[in-house]
Amino acid sequence: MKEVTKELTVPTFVIPTPERRRSKRLSPNHLLELVTRLCIFKAERWGRRARFYERHRDYFPRLSSGRFVNRCRELEASYRALAEVMFLIPTEDRLIPIRSVTLSKL
């Protein structure tokens, strides 16, 4: 049998990349904004869930008449209040990153 070898030619492209990429840390203000948006998202989600079960009372009589819808409303209000509090924190009082100090053994 003949041995057939196929040479595979793969073009190589040189893409310049920086020597080291520094990991970008998010600023505390950015992190606080993300948490605020997450709280608003959660509040809207709980509100939608409560409206869904209220709208479809015929299909979900136990959930719509029980404590579940009230709890959804409470969670919606809590998340909205948390988002408002976080949004109103002054810039000076917001969390700042600190370096951890390690203690060496004596």
N, C-alpha and C. Protein backbone atom coordinates (compact mmCIF):
# COMPACT_ATOMS: atom_id res chain seq x y z
N MET A 1 0.83 -1.17 0.00
CA MET A 1 0.00 0.00 0.00
C MET A 1 0.87 1.23 0.00
N LYS A 2 0.36 2.21 -0.69
CA LYS A 2 1.08 3.46 -0.73
C LYS A 2 0.71 4.30 0.48
N GLU A 3 1.69 4.97 0.99
CA GLU A 3 1.43 5.85 2.12
C GLU A 3 1.31 7.26 1.58
N VAL A 4 0.14 7.82 1.76
CA VAL A 4 -0.12 9.15 1.25
C VAL A 4 -0.11 10.12 2.42
N THR A 5 0.72 11.12 2.30
CA THR A 5 0.75 12.13 3.36
C THR A 5 0.26 13.44 2.78
N LYS A 6 -0.57 14.04 3.52
CA LYS A 6 -1.09 15.33 3.11
C LYS A 6 -0.48 16.38 4.03
N GLU A 7 0.01 17.39 3.41
CA GLU A 7 0.56 18.46 4.22
C GLU A 7 -0.53 19.51 4.40
N LEU A 8 -0.70 19.87 5.60
CA LEU A 8 -1.70 20.85 5.92
C LEU A 8 -1.01 22.18 6.16
N THR A 9 -1.40 23.15 5.39
CA THR A 9 -0.81 24.46 5.54
C THR A 9 -1.82 25.36 6.22
N VAL A 10 -1.43 25.85 7.35
CA VAL A 10 -2.29 26.73 8.11
C VAL A 10 -1.66 28.11 8.10
N PRO A 11 -2.37 29.08 7.57
CA PRO A 11 -1.78 30.42 7.57
C PRO A 11 -1.72 30.96 9.00
N THR A 12 -0.62 31.57 9.29
CA THR A 12 -0.47 32.16 10.61
C THR A 12 -0.48 33.67 10.47
N PHE A 13 -1.23 34.28 11.31
CA PHE A 13 -1.31 35.72 11.32
C PHE A 13 -0.69 36.21 12.63
N VAL A 14 0.07 37.21 12.51
CA VAL A 14 0.68 37.77 13.70
C VAL A 14 -0.19 38.92 14.19
N ILE A 15 -0.68 38.76 15.38
CA ILE A 15 -1.51 39.79 15.97
C ILE A 15 -0.74 40.36 17.15
N PRO A 16 -0.45 41.63 17.09
CA PRO A 16 0.30 42.20 18.21
C PRO A 16 -0.58 42.27 19.46
N THR A 17 -0.05 41.76 20.54
CA THR A 17 -0.76 41.81 21.81
C THR A 17 0.14 42.47 22.85
N PRO A 18 -0.45 43.16 23.75
CA PRO A 18 0.38 43.79 24.77
C PRO A 18 1.07 42.73 25.63
N GLU A 19 2.21 43.09 26.18
CA GLU A 19 2.98 42.15 26.99
C GLU A 19 2.14 41.59 28.14
N ARG A 20 1.61 42.49 28.92
CA ARG A 20 0.77 42.06 30.04
C ARG A 20 -0.47 42.93 30.07
N ARG A 21 -1.54 42.29 30.23
CA ARG A 21 -2.78 43.04 30.37
C ARG A 21 -3.10 43.13 31.84
N ARG A 22 -3.28 44.33 32.31
CA ARG A 22 -3.65 44.51 33.70
C ARG A 22 -5.13 44.22 33.84
N SER A 23 -5.46 43.53 34.90
CA SER A 23 -6.88 43.29 35.14
C SER A 23 -7.51 44.60 35.59
N LYS A 24 -8.58 44.93 34.94
CA LYS A 24 -9.26 46.18 35.26
C LYS A 24 -10.19 45.95 36.44
N ARG A 25 -9.97 46.70 37.48
CA ARG A 25 -10.86 46.62 38.63
C ARG A 25 -11.96 47.65 38.46
N LEU A 26 -13.13 47.24 38.82
CA LEU A 26 -14.25 48.17 38.73
C LEU A 26 -14.19 49.14 39.89
N SER A 27 -14.56 50.35 39.62
CA SER A 27 -14.55 51.35 40.68
C SER A 27 -15.70 51.06 41.65
N PRO A 28 -15.56 51.49 42.89
CA PRO A 28 -16.64 51.26 43.86
C PRO A 28 -17.96 51.89 43.41
N ASN A 29 -17.88 53.04 42.76
CA ASN A 29 -19.11 53.68 42.27
C ASN A 29 -19.78 52.80 41.22
N HIS A 30 -18.96 52.19 40.36
CA HIS A 30 -19.51 51.32 39.32
C HIS A 30 -20.17 50.09 39.95
N LEU A 31 -19.50 49.51 40.95
CA LEU A 31 -20.06 48.33 41.62
C LEU A 31 -21.37 48.68 42.32
N LEU A 32 -21.41 49.84 42.95
CA LEU A 32 -22.63 50.25 43.63
C LEU A 32 -23.76 50.46 42.63
N GLU A 33 -23.41 50.99 41.47
CA GLU A 33 -24.42 51.17 40.42
C GLU A 33 -24.95 49.83 39.93
N LEU A 34 -24.06 48.85 39.79
CA LEU A 34 -24.49 47.52 39.37
C LEU A 34 -25.42 46.88 40.39
N VAL A 35 -25.09 47.02 41.66
CA VAL A 35 -25.94 46.46 42.71
C VAL A 35 -27.29 47.16 42.72
N THR A 36 -27.29 48.47 42.52
CA THR A 36 -28.55 49.21 42.47
C THR A 36 -29.41 48.73 41.32
N ARG A 37 -28.80 48.54 40.17
CA ARG A 37 -29.57 48.03 39.01
C ARG A 37 -30.10 46.64 39.26
N LEU A 38 -29.30 45.82 39.93
CA LEU A 38 -29.75 44.46 40.25
C LEU A 38 -30.96 44.51 41.19
N CYS A 39 -30.92 45.40 42.18
CA CYS A 39 -32.05 45.52 43.10
C CYS A 39 -33.31 45.99 42.37
N ILE A 40 -33.15 46.93 41.45
CA ILE A 40 -34.30 47.40 40.68
C ILE A 40 -34.85 46.28 39.81
N PHE A 41 -33.96 45.50 39.21
CA PHE A 41 -34.38 44.36 38.39
C PHE A 41 -35.16 43.35 39.21
N LYS A 42 -34.64 43.04 40.40
CA LYS A 42 -35.33 42.08 41.27
C LYS A 42 -36.70 42.61 41.70
N ALA A 43 -36.77 43.91 42.00
CA ALA A 43 -38.06 44.50 42.40
C ALA A 43 -39.08 44.38 41.28
N GLU A 44 -38.65 44.69 40.06
CA GLU A 44 -39.57 44.58 38.92
C GLU A 44 -39.99 43.13 38.68
N ARG A 45 -39.09 42.22 38.91
CA ARG A 45 -39.41 40.80 38.71
C ARG A 45 -40.46 40.33 39.72
N TRP A 46 -40.30 40.72 41.00
CA TRP A 46 -41.29 40.34 42.00
C TRP A 46 -42.63 41.00 41.72
N GLY A 47 -42.61 42.24 41.22
CA GLY A 47 -43.85 42.92 40.87
C GLY A 47 -44.57 42.23 39.72
N ARG A 48 -43.80 41.81 38.71
CA ARG A 48 -44.40 41.08 37.58
C ARG A 48 -45.00 39.76 38.03
N ARG A 49 -44.30 39.09 38.93
CA ARG A 49 -44.80 37.81 39.42
C ARG A 49 -46.12 37.99 40.17
N ALA A 50 -46.19 39.01 41.02
CA ALA A 50 -47.44 39.28 41.77
C ALA A 50 -48.57 39.62 40.81
N ARG A 51 -48.29 40.47 39.81
CA ARG A 51 -49.34 40.83 38.84
C ARG A 51 -49.81 39.62 38.04
N PHE A 52 -48.89 38.72 37.72
CA PHE A 52 -49.24 37.52 36.96
C PHE A 52 -50.25 36.67 37.73
N TYR A 53 -49.95 36.41 39.00
CA TYR A 53 -50.85 35.57 39.78
C TYR A 53 -52.16 36.27 40.10
N GLU A 54 -52.14 37.57 40.22
CA GLU A 54 -53.39 38.30 40.42
C GLU A 54 -54.25 38.27 39.16
N ARG A 55 -53.61 38.37 38.01
CA ARG A 55 -54.34 38.38 36.74
C ARG A 55 -54.93 37.01 36.44
N HIS A 56 -54.24 35.96 36.84
CA HIS A 56 -54.70 34.59 36.53
C HIS A 56 -55.21 33.89 37.78
N ARG A 57 -56.08 34.55 38.50
CA ARG A 57 -56.66 33.98 39.72
C ARG A 57 -57.41 32.67 39.45
N ASP A 58 -58.05 32.57 38.29
CA ASP A 58 -58.83 31.37 37.98
C ASP A 58 -57.94 30.13 37.87
N TYR A 59 -56.73 30.31 37.38
CA TYR A 59 -55.83 29.16 37.18
C TYR A 59 -55.02 28.84 38.44
N PHE A 60 -54.74 29.85 39.25
CA PHE A 60 -53.93 29.66 40.46
C PHE A 60 -54.67 30.21 41.68
N PRO A 61 -55.77 29.58 42.08
CA PRO A 61 -56.57 30.15 43.17
C PRO A 61 -55.82 30.16 44.51
N ARG A 62 -55.06 29.13 44.81
CA ARG A 62 -54.37 29.08 46.10
C ARG A 62 -53.24 30.11 46.17
N LEU A 63 -52.48 30.23 45.11
CA LEU A 63 -51.36 31.18 45.12
C LEU A 63 -51.84 32.62 45.11
N SER A 64 -52.91 32.89 44.35
CA SER A 64 -53.36 34.28 44.23
C SER A 64 -54.12 34.75 45.47
N SER A 65 -54.73 33.82 46.21
CA SER A 65 -55.49 34.24 47.39
C SER A 65 -54.68 34.10 48.67
N GLY A 66 -53.59 33.39 48.60
CA GLY A 66 -52.80 33.16 49.81
C GLY A 66 -51.80 34.27 50.09
N ARG A 67 -50.82 33.94 50.89
CA ARG A 67 -49.82 34.91 51.30
C ARG A 67 -48.75 35.14 50.24
N PHE A 68 -48.76 34.32 49.20
CA PHE A 68 -47.70 34.40 48.19
C PHE A 68 -47.66 35.75 47.49
N VAL A 69 -48.79 36.24 47.05
CA VAL A 69 -48.84 37.53 46.34
C VAL A 69 -48.44 38.66 47.29
N ASN A 70 -48.90 38.57 48.55
CA ASN A 70 -48.50 39.59 49.53
C ASN A 70 -46.99 39.57 49.74
N ARG A 71 -46.43 38.38 49.80
CA ARG A 71 -44.97 38.27 49.98
C ARG A 71 -44.23 38.83 48.77
N CYS A 72 -44.76 38.59 47.57
CA CYS A 72 -44.17 39.15 46.36
C CYS A 72 -44.16 40.68 46.43
N ARG A 73 -45.27 41.25 46.88
CA ARG A 73 -45.36 42.71 47.01
C ARG A 73 -44.38 43.23 48.06
N GLU A 74 -44.23 42.49 49.16
CA GLU A 74 -43.28 42.90 50.20
C GLU A 74 -41.84 42.88 49.68
N LEU A 75 -41.52 41.82 48.95
CA LEU A 75 -40.17 41.73 48.38
C LEU A 75 -39.92 42.82 47.35
N GLU A 76 -40.94 43.13 46.56
CA GLU A 76 -40.80 44.21 45.59
C GLU A 76 -40.52 45.53 46.31
N ALA A 77 -41.27 45.81 47.36
CA ALA A 77 -41.07 47.05 48.11
C ALA A 77 -39.70 47.08 48.78
N SER A 78 -39.27 45.94 49.30
CA SER A 78 -37.96 45.88 49.96
C SER A 78 -36.82 46.14 48.99
N TYR A 79 -36.89 45.50 47.82
CA TYR A 79 -35.84 45.71 46.82
C TYR A 79 -35.83 47.15 46.31
N ARG A 80 -37.01 47.73 46.14
CA ARG A 80 -37.06 49.13 45.70
C ARG A 80 -36.48 50.07 46.77
N ALA A 81 -36.80 49.81 48.02
CA ALA A 81 -36.26 50.63 49.10
C ALA A 81 -34.74 50.49 49.18
N LEU A 82 -34.24 49.27 49.01
CA LEU A 82 -32.80 49.05 49.03
C LEU A 82 -32.11 49.77 47.89
N ALA A 83 -32.72 49.73 46.70
CA ALA A 83 -32.15 50.42 45.55
C ALA A 83 -32.12 51.93 45.79
N GLU A 84 -33.18 52.46 46.38
CA GLU A 84 -33.23 53.90 46.66
C GLU A 84 -32.16 54.30 47.68
N VAL A 85 -32.00 53.48 48.71
CA VAL A 85 -30.99 53.78 49.73
C VAL A 85 -29.59 53.74 49.12
N MET A 86 -29.33 52.75 48.31
CA MET A 86 -28.00 52.63 47.71
C MET A 86 -27.74 53.76 46.73
N PHE A 87 -28.78 54.20 46.04
CA PHE A 87 -28.62 55.29 45.09
C PHE A 87 -28.36 56.61 45.80
N LEU A 88 -28.90 56.76 46.99
CA LEU A 88 -28.78 58.02 47.72
C LEU A 88 -27.52 58.13 48.58
N ILE A 89 -26.73 57.05 48.65
CA ILE A 89 -25.50 57.12 49.44
C ILE A 89 -24.56 58.13 48.80
N PRO A 90 -24.08 59.10 49.58
CA PRO A 90 -23.16 60.09 49.00
C PRO A 90 -21.86 59.43 48.54
N THR A 91 -21.22 60.05 47.58
CA THR A 91 -20.00 59.48 47.01
C THR A 91 -18.91 59.30 48.06
N GLU A 92 -18.83 60.21 49.02
CA GLU A 92 -17.78 60.12 50.03
C GLU A 92 -17.98 58.91 50.94
N ASP A 93 -19.23 58.52 51.15
CA ASP A 93 -19.53 57.43 52.07
C ASP A 93 -19.59 56.07 51.39
N ARG A 94 -19.39 56.03 50.12
CA ARG A 94 -19.47 54.75 49.41
C ARG A 94 -18.25 53.90 49.74
N LEU A 95 -18.38 52.64 49.50
CA LEU A 95 -17.30 51.72 49.83
C LEU A 95 -16.08 51.99 48.96
N ILE A 96 -14.92 51.87 49.55
CA ILE A 96 -13.68 52.04 48.79
C ILE A 96 -12.85 50.78 48.96
N PRO A 97 -12.10 50.39 47.94
CA PRO A 97 -11.29 49.18 48.07
C PRO A 97 -10.09 49.45 48.97
N ILE A 98 -9.76 48.47 49.79
CA ILE A 98 -8.58 48.58 50.63
C ILE A 98 -7.71 47.37 50.40
N ARG A 99 -6.44 47.54 50.64
CA ARG A 99 -5.53 46.40 50.51
C ARG A 99 -5.50 45.66 51.82
N SER A 100 -5.54 44.37 51.73
CA SER A 100 -5.50 43.58 52.95
C SER A 100 -4.07 43.47 53.44
N VAL A 101 -3.89 43.55 54.70
CA VAL A 101 -2.57 43.48 55.31
C VAL A 101 -2.43 42.11 55.91
N THR A 102 -1.34 41.44 55.57
CA THR A 102 -1.08 40.13 56.13
C THR A 102 -0.06 40.25 57.24
N LEU A 103 -0.33 39.59 58.32
CA LEU A 103 0.58 39.62 59.44
C LEU A 103 1.58 38.48 59.31
N SER A 104 2.84 38.81 59.48
CA SER A 104 3.86 37.76 59.40
C SER A 104 4.07 37.16 60.78
N LYS A 105 4.52 35.94 60.81
CA LYS A 105 4.76 35.27 62.09
C LYS A 105 5.98 35.89 62.75
N LEU A 106 5.93 36.01 64.05
CA LEU A 106 7.05 36.58 64.80
C LEU A 106 8.14 35.58 65.02
